């Protein structure tokens, strides 16, 4: 696999990992996830971060992305730019795109 194909894969994987981290923060603040030793100072910082994120329109933006983002169109766009490699690469990218949608949906549902 070329560096370009790996870069494409890592680009989408980074988005997935950021969303997964956000989901874990939301779960930790909501008391839905068990933490060994989180200080109250850490909790305050995370709560402030999440409330700031919500006040800046995270929920509205997330719902907009979910209603407009289509993995098939994204794959077609990548193919037209020759950024999709062999079928195995296409499957990995498709799986990552689907996971991004599921994780973003989970962030919204976890918050509520």
Protein backbone atom coordinates (compact mmCIF):
# COMPACT_ATOMS: atom_id res chain seq x y z
CA UNK A 1 0.00 0.00 0.00
CA UNK A 2 1.36 3.44 -0.89
CA UNK A 3 1.89 6.27 1.55
CA UNK A 4 -1.02 8.13 0.03
CA UNK A 5 -3.44 5.27 0.69
CA UNK A 6 -2.16 4.94 4.25
CA UNK A 7 -2.58 8.70 4.74
CA UNK A 8 -6.21 8.49 3.61
CA UNK A 9 -6.83 5.63 6.00
CA UNK A 10 -5.17 7.46 8.90
CA UNK A 11 -7.11 10.65 8.14
CA UNK A 12 -10.45 8.94 8.67
CA UNK A 13 -9.17 6.82 11.54
CA UNK A 14 -8.10 10.01 13.36
CA UNK A 15 -11.66 11.34 13.09
CA UNK A 16 -12.99 8.10 14.52
CA UNK A 17 -10.54 8.17 17.42
CA UNK A 18 -11.41 11.78 18.26
CA UNK A 19 -15.10 10.92 18.36
CA UNK A 20 -14.40 7.86 20.50
CA UNK A 21 -12.46 10.03 22.95
CA UNK A 22 -15.33 12.50 23.08
CA UNK A 23 -17.77 9.67 23.76
CA UNK A 24 -15.61 8.46 26.64
CA UNK A 25 -15.47 11.97 28.11
CA UNK A 26 -19.25 12.28 27.89
CA UNK A 27 -19.68 8.92 29.58
CA UNK A 28 -17.20 9.75 32.34
CA UNK A 29 -18.87 13.04 33.20
CA UNK A 30 -22.32 11.53 33.13
CA UNK A 31 -21.24 8.93 35.68
CA UNK A 32 -21.83 6.12 33.21
CA UNK A 33 -18.24 4.96 33.16
CA UNK A 34 -16.22 3.81 36.10
CA UNK A 35 -12.95 5.65 36.72
CA UNK A 36 -10.23 4.62 39.14
CA UNK A 37 -8.94 7.96 40.28
CA UNK A 38 -10.29 11.05 38.66
CA UNK A 39 -9.80 14.14 40.76
CA UNK A 40 -12.61 16.61 41.22
CA UNK A 41 -10.41 19.17 39.46
CA UNK A 42 -10.25 16.93 36.40
CA UNK A 43 -14.02 16.45 36.49
CA UNK A 44 -14.58 20.20 36.59
CA UNK A 45 -12.31 20.75 33.59
CA UNK A 46 -14.03 18.03 31.56
CA UNK A 47 -17.50 19.32 32.47
CA UNK A 48 -16.49 22.85 31.49
CA UNK A 49 -15.07 21.57 28.18
CA UNK A 50 -18.24 19.63 27.37
CA UNK A 51 -20.58 22.47 28.31
CA UNK A 52 -18.51 24.83 26.16
CA UNK A 53 -18.73 22.35 23.29
CA UNK A 54 -22.51 22.16 23.66
CA UNK A 55 -22.88 25.94 23.88
CA UNK A 56 -20.97 26.28 20.61
CA UNK A 57 -23.55 24.15 18.83
CA UNK A 58 -22.06 20.66 18.93
CA UNK A 59 -25.45 18.98 19.00
CA UNK A 60 -26.79 20.96 16.05
CA UNK A 61 -23.61 20.37 14.04
CA UNK A 62 -23.54 16.67 14.87
CA UNK A 63 -27.16 16.22 13.78
CA UNK A 64 -26.44 18.12 10.58
CA UNK A 65 -23.47 15.86 9.82
CA UNK A 66 -25.55 12.76 10.50
CA UNK A 67 -28.30 13.92 8.19
CA UNK A 68 -26.01 14.90 5.30
CA UNK A 69 -23.01 12.57 5.47
CA UNK A 70 -23.20 9.54 3.18
CA UNK A 71 -20.31 7.06 3.19
CA UNK A 72 -21.09 5.97 -0.37
CA UNK A 73 -20.72 9.54 -1.65
CA UNK A 74 -17.50 9.96 0.31
CA UNK A 75 -16.12 6.76 -1.20
CA UNK A 76 -17.13 7.93 -4.69
CA UNK A 77 -15.38 11.24 -4.08
CA UNK A 78 -12.23 9.43 -2.98
CA UNK A 79 -12.39 7.11 -5.98
CA UNK A 80 -12.74 10.00 -8.41
CA UNK A 81 -9.55 11.47 -6.95
CA UNK A 82 -7.75 8.08 -7.12
CA UNK A 83 -7.47 7.92 -3.34
CA UNK A 84 -8.94 4.43 -2.98
CA UNK A 85 -6.70 1.45 -3.51
CA UNK A 86 -7.49 -2.23 -3.80
CA UNK A 87 -10.76 -3.73 -2.51
CA UNK A 88 -9.25 -4.38 0.92
CA UNK A 89 -8.43 -0.67 1.27
CA UNK A 90 -11.94 0.25 0.17
CA UNK A 91 -13.43 -2.10 2.79
CA UNK A 92 -11.28 -0.57 5.54
CA UNK A 93 -12.27 2.96 4.59
CA UNK A 94 -15.96 1.98 4.34
CA UNK A 95 -15.79 0.33 7.77
CA UNK A 96 -14.13 3.41 9.26
CA UNK A 97 -16.73 5.74 7.73
CA UNK A 98 -19.55 3.58 9.09
CA UNK A 99 -17.88 3.54 12.51
CA UNK A 100 -17.61 7.33 12.46
CA UNK A 101 -21.36 7.61 11.94
CA UNK A 102 -22.12 5.08 14.68
CA UNK A 103 -19.77 6.74 17.16
CA UNK A 104 -21.14 10.23 16.46
CA UNK A 105 -24.67 8.89 16.94
CA UNK A 106 -23.57 7.27 20.15
CA UNK A 107 -22.13 10.58 21.39
CA UNK A 108 -25.50 12.24 20.86
CA UNK A 109 -27.43 9.44 22.54
CA UNK A 110 -24.99 9.21 25.44
CA UNK A 111 -25.24 12.93 26.12
CA UNK A 112 -29.03 12.87 26.36
